Amino acid sequence: MFAPLACFGGSGCDPASSRRQHQERKLHMLSYWRDGVERQLAAVNAAISTLEKQMARDVGQDQG
């Protein structure tokens, strides 16, 4: 198995530090993905709300 790239810097290879750095990168990546999904969900909710209002308005016009 190859050593992580961080170990080639000459500063030694601390497994606990490498694991921590990996976990921090993974947390950052997952947070970034979550933020994107939340934006998409907000857009979908807004589109649904707008469509429901349009449909309710159209039903009101048909009856009036």
Protein backbone atom coordinates (compact mmCIF):
# COMPACT_ATOMS: atom_id res chain seq x y z
CA MET A 1 0.00 0.00 0.00
CA PHE A 2 1.26 3.48 -0.77
CA ALA A 3 1.70 6.09 1.93
CA PRO A 4 -0.60 9.14 1.78
CA LEU A 5 0.83 12.12 -0.07
CA ALA A 6 1.13 14.07 3.18
CA CYS A 7 3.81 11.60 4.31
CA PHE A 8 6.20 12.55 1.48
CA GLY A 9 6.79 16.07 2.81
CA GLY A 10 9.58 14.99 5.13
CA SER A 11 7.64 16.01 8.23
CA GLY A 12 6.91 12.40 9.11
CA CYS A 13 3.66 10.54 8.87
CA ASP A 14 1.38 10.74 11.86
CA PRO A 15 -1.54 8.34 11.23
CA ALA A 16 -3.83 10.17 13.65
CA SER A 17 -3.13 13.49 11.93
CA SER A 18 -3.66 11.98 8.48
CA ARG A 19 -6.94 10.43 9.59
CA ARG A 20 -8.07 13.75 11.05
CA GLN A 21 -7.21 15.62 7.84
CA HIS A 22 -9.08 13.04 5.78
CA GLN A 23 -12.14 13.34 8.02
CA GLU A 24 -12.04 17.15 7.79
CA ARG A 25 -11.85 17.03 3.98
CA LYS A 26 -14.73 14.55 3.89
CA LEU A 27 -16.82 16.71 6.24
CA HIS A 28 -16.17 19.76 4.06
CA MET A 29 -17.17 17.84 0.91
CA LEU A 30 -20.36 16.46 2.46
CA SER A 31 -21.33 19.90 3.80
CA TYR A 32 -20.81 21.35 0.32
CA TRP A 33 -23.06 18.66 -1.20
CA ARG A 34 -25.72 19.24 1.47
CA ASP A 35 -25.76 22.97 0.76
CA GLY A 36 -26.31 22.27 -2.94
CA VAL A 37 -29.13 19.84 -2.23
CA GLU A 38 -30.77 22.35 0.13
CA ARG A 39 -30.67 25.01 -2.62
CA GLN A 40 -32.23 22.58 -5.08
CA LEU A 41 -34.92 21.62 -2.57
CA ALA A 42 -35.76 25.28 -1.96
CA ALA A 43 -36.10 25.82 -5.72
CA VAL A 44 -38.39 22.79 -6.08
CA ASN A 45 -40.54 23.94 -3.13
CA ALA A 46 -40.86 27.40 -4.67
CA ALA A 47 -41.87 25.93 -8.04
CA ILE A 48 -44.48 23.69 -6.40
CA SER A 49 -45.88 26.60 -4.42
CA THR A 50 -46.11 28.80 -7.52
CA LEU A 51 -47.81 26.06 -9.52
CA GLU A 52 -50.34 25.40 -6.73
CA LYS A 53 -51.20 29.11 -6.60
CA GLN A 54 -51.63 29.23 -10.38
CA MET A 55 -53.86 26.18 -10.32
CA ALA A 56 -56.01 27.62 -7.51
CA ARG A 57 -56.30 30.91 -9.40
CA ASP A 58 -57.29 29.10 -12.61
CA VAL A 59 -59.98 27.12 -10.78
CA GLY A 60 -61.33 30.39 -9.34
CA GLN A 61 -61.48 31.96 -12.80
CA ASP A 62 -63.28 28.95 -14.26
CA GLN A 63 -65.99 29.22 -11.59
CA GLY A 64 -66.37 32.99 -11.78
